[in-house]
C-alpha atoms as a PDB file:
ATOM      1  CA  UNK A   1      40.426  51.917 -33.714  1.00  0.00           C
ATOM      2  CA  UNK A   2      40.257  49.468 -30.866  1.00  0.00           C
ATOM      3  CA  UNK A   3      37.527  49.380 -28.520  1.00  0.00           C
ATOM      4  CA  UNK A   4      39.247  50.274 -25.039  1.00  0.00           C
ATOM      5  CA  UNK A   5      37.019  50.128 -21.938  1.00  0.00           C
ATOM      6  CA  UNK A   6      36.697  53.069 -19.648  1.00  0.00           C
ATOM      7  CA  UNK A   7      38.480  52.585 -16.249  1.00  0.00           C
ATOM      8  CA  UNK A   8      36.192  50.399 -13.826  1.00  0.00           C
ATOM      9  CA  UNK A   9      37.463  52.631 -10.866  1.00  0.00           C
ATOM     10  CA  UNK A  10      37.128  56.195 -11.934  1.00  0.00           C
ATOM     11  CA  UNK A  11      35.143  55.749 -15.285  1.00  0.00           C
ATOM     12  CA  UNK A  12      37.493  57.999 -17.186  1.00  0.00           C
ATOM     13  CA  UNK A  13      37.992  57.111 -20.713  1.00  0.00           C
ATOM     14  CA  UNK A  14      41.790  57.961 -21.081  1.00  0.00           C
ATOM     15  CA  UNK A  15      42.794  54.232 -20.605  1.00  0.00           C
ATOM     16  CA  UNK A  16      45.467  52.682 -22.828  1.00  0.00           C
ATOM     17  CA  UNK A  17      46.709  49.147 -23.282  1.00  0.00           C
ATOM     18  CA  UNK A  18      50.234  48.175 -21.986  1.00  0.00           C
ATOM     19  CA  UNK A  19      51.359  44.546 -22.391  1.00  0.00           C
ATOM     20  CA  UNK A  20      48.522  42.343 -20.834  1.00  0.00           C
ATOM     21  CA  UNK A  21      47.056  45.253 -18.843  1.00  0.00           C
ATOM     22  CA  UNK A  22      44.841  48.335 -19.262  1.00  0.00           C
ATOM     23  CA  UNK A  23      46.078  51.330 -17.497  1.00  0.00           C
ATOM     24  CA  UNK A  24      44.367  54.494 -16.446  1.00  0.00           C
ATOM     25  CA  UNK A  25      46.763  57.531 -16.361  1.00  0.00           C
ATOM     26  CA  UNK A  26      44.025  59.430 -14.280  1.00  0.00           C
ATOM     27  CA  UNK A  27      43.806  57.249 -11.259  1.00  0.00           C
ATOM     28  CA  UNK A  28      46.891  54.767 -11.954  1.00  0.00           C
ATOM     29  CA  UNK A  29      44.448  51.857 -11.902  1.00  0.00           C
ATOM     30  CA  UNK A  30      45.561  48.685 -13.761  1.00  0.00           C
ATOM     31  CA  UNK A  31      43.457  45.640 -14.699  1.00  0.00           C
ATOM     32  CA  UNK A  32      43.923  42.687 -17.103  1.00  0.00           C
ATOM     33  CA  UNK A  33      42.735  42.806 -20.666  1.00  0.00           C
ATOM     34  CA  UNK A  34      41.369  39.224 -20.424  1.00  0.00           C
ATOM     35  CA  UNK A  35      38.908  38.775 -17.643  1.00  0.00           C
ATOM     36  CA  UNK A  36      40.014  36.307 -15.114  1.00  0.00           C
ATOM     37  CA  UNK A  37      37.669  33.154 -15.269  1.00  0.00           C
ATOM     38  CA  UNK A  38      36.938  32.028 -11.871  1.00  0.00           C
ATOM     39  CA  UNK A  39      38.318  28.514 -11.232  1.00  0.00           C
ATOM     40  CA  UNK A  40      35.921  26.377  -9.482  1.00  0.00           C
ATOM     41  CA  UNK A  41      37.596  24.795  -6.488  1.00  0.00           C
ATOM     42  CA  UNK A  42      37.057  21.151  -5.836  1.00  0.00           C
ATOM     43  CA  UNK A  43      36.123  21.130  -2.208  1.00  0.00           C
ATOM     44  CA  UNK A  44      36.892  17.887  -0.304  1.00  0.00           C
ATOM     45  CA  UNK A  45      35.488  17.542   2.941  1.00  0.00           C
ATOM     46  CA  UNK A  46      36.685  14.502   5.002  1.00  0.00           C
ATOM     47  CA  UNK A  47      35.690  12.832   8.280  1.00  0.00           C
ATOM     48  CA  UNK A  48      37.939  12.281  11.110  1.00  0.00           C
ATOM     49  CA  UNK A  49      39.279   9.040   9.454  1.00  0.00           C
ATOM     50  CA  UNK A  50      39.865  10.654   6.143  1.00  0.00           C
ATOM     51  CA  UNK A  51      36.889   9.227   4.292  1.00  0.00           C
ATOM     52  CA  UNK A  52      35.403  11.577   1.649  1.00  0.00           C
ATOM     53  CA  UNK A  53      31.986  13.196   2.746  1.00  0.00           C
ATOM     54  CA  UNK A  54      29.258  13.880   0.324  1.00  0.00           C
ATOM     55  CA  UNK A  55      25.668  15.183   0.558  1.00  0.00           C
ATOM     56  CA  UNK A  56      23.252  12.685   1.847  1.00  0.00           C
ATOM     57  CA  UNK A  57      25.770  10.620   3.940  1.00  0.00           C
ATOM     58  CA  UNK A  58      25.032   9.349   7.338  1.00  0.00           C
ATOM     59  CA  UNK A  59      27.671  10.121  10.010  1.00  0.00           C
ATOM     60  CA  UNK A  60      28.320   9.461  13.695  1.00  0.00           C
ATOM     61  CA  UNK A  61      29.558  11.679  16.322  1.00  0.00           C
ATOM     62  CA  UNK A  62      33.235  10.570  17.467  1.00  0.00           C
ATOM     63  CA  UNK A  63      32.936  12.565  20.844  1.00  0.00           C
ATOM     64  CA  UNK A  64      30.324  14.367  23.057  1.00  0.00           C
ATOM     65  CA  UNK A  65      29.947  17.839  21.926  1.00  0.00           C
ATOM     66  CA  UNK A  66      28.527  20.835  23.899  1.00  0.00           C
ATOM     67  CA  UNK A  67      25.915  22.905  22.132  1.00  0.00           C
ATOM     68  CA  UNK A  68      26.606  26.611  22.475  1.00  0.00           C
ATOM     69  CA  UNK A  69      23.732  28.657  23.988  1.00  0.00           C
ATOM     70  CA  UNK A  70      22.187  25.512  25.264  1.00  0.00           C
ATOM     71  CA  UNK A  71      22.504  23.181  28.258  1.00  0.00           C
ATOM     72  CA  UNK A  72      22.176  20.129  25.943  1.00  0.00           C
ATOM     73  CA  UNK A  73      25.039  17.899  24.843  1.00  0.00           C
ATOM     74  CA  UNK A  74      25.326  15.827  21.756  1.00  0.00           C
ATOM     75  CA  UNK A  75      26.436  12.300  22.819  1.00  0.00           C
ATOM     76  CA  UNK A  76      29.250  10.348  21.224  1.00  0.00           C
ATOM     77  CA  UNK A  77      27.829   7.733  18.759  1.00  0.00           C
ATOM     78  CA  UNK A  78      24.794   9.832  17.747  1.00  0.00           C
ATOM     79  CA  UNK A  79      23.902   9.310  14.215  1.00  0.00           C
ATOM     80  CA  UNK A  80      23.026  12.163  11.794  1.00  0.00           C
ATOM     81  CA  UNK A  81      21.216  11.030   8.606  1.00  0.00           C
ATOM     82  CA  UNK A  82      21.348  12.919   5.187  1.00  0.00           C
ATOM     83  CA  UNK A  83      24.042  15.618   5.854  1.00  0.00           C
ATOM     84  CA  UNK A  84      24.609  18.635   3.643  1.00  0.00           C
ATOM     85  CA  UNK A  85      28.066  20.095   2.931  1.00  0.00           C
ATOM     86  CA  UNK A  86      28.238  23.832   3.549  1.00  0.00           C
ATOM     87  CA  UNK A  87      30.904  26.481   3.375  1.00  0.00           C
ATOM     88  CA  UNK A  88      32.543  27.866   6.350  1.00  0.00           C
ATOM     89  CA  UNK A  89      34.354  26.648   9.492  1.00  0.00           C
ATOM     90  CA  UNK A  90      31.422  24.387  10.577  1.00  0.00           C
ATOM     91  CA  UNK A  91      31.271  22.435   7.031  1.00  0.00           C
ATOM     92  CA  UNK A  92      28.380  19.993   7.843  1.00  0.00           C
ATOM     93  CA  UNK A  93      24.730  20.803   8.165  1.00  0.00           C
ATOM     94  CA  UNK A  94      22.393  18.017   9.595  1.00  0.00           C
ATOM     95  CA  UNK A  95      19.510  17.383  11.809  1.00  0.00           C
ATOM     96  CA  UNK A  96      19.584  15.357  14.967  1.00  0.00           C
ATOM     97  CA  UNK A  97      16.387  14.665  16.876  1.00  0.00           C
ATOM     98  CA  UNK A  98      14.652  17.158  14.633  1.00  0.00           C
ATOM     99  CA  UNK A  99      17.028  20.111  15.554  1.00  0.00           C
ATOM    100  CA  UNK A 100      19.293  21.480  13.019  1.00  0.00           C
ATOM    101  CA  UNK A 101      23.151  21.721  13.673  1.00  0.00           C
ATOM    102  CA  UNK A 102      26.176  22.745  11.939  1.00  0.00           C
ATOM    103  CA  UNK A 103      29.086  20.674  12.916  1.00  0.00           C
ATOM    104  CA  UNK A 104      32.883  20.462  12.084  1.00  0.00           C
ATOM    105  CA  UNK A 105      33.794  17.437  10.007  1.00  0.00           C
ATOM    106  CA  UNK A 106      36.712  16.651  12.220  1.00  0.00           C
ATOM    107  CA  UNK A 107      34.195  15.310  14.960  1.00  0.00           C
ATOM    108  CA  UNK A 108      32.322  13.030  12.535  1.00  0.00           C
ATOM    109  CA  UNK A 109      32.994   9.583  11.056  1.00  0.00           C
ATOM    110  CA  UNK A 110      31.169   8.149   8.113  1.00  0.00           C
ATOM    111  CA  UNK A 111      28.461   5.522   9.149  1.00  0.00           C
END
């Protein structure tokens, strides 16, 4: 006898295999027999000139940027040293003059 798992949605044990799927007749949930292996995406973050950015790079701002929630501005040509690449819309974390910022790579160029 095969070892057929219980339904992950309703926990009933009346599941049966059908092709590449397990099917639960109680709740009609279907799931693959072979667990999907997460494919690690190779994330490429590029600056405004198309250069590939990496953790630890130094970058320059290509335009003046207003800082939300503050009256300060980051001036064009300001250098950020030792950046970190992060997930999200703002994909670069850095420190400028001792203050942490998250910036979009489209406003940066590799120094």
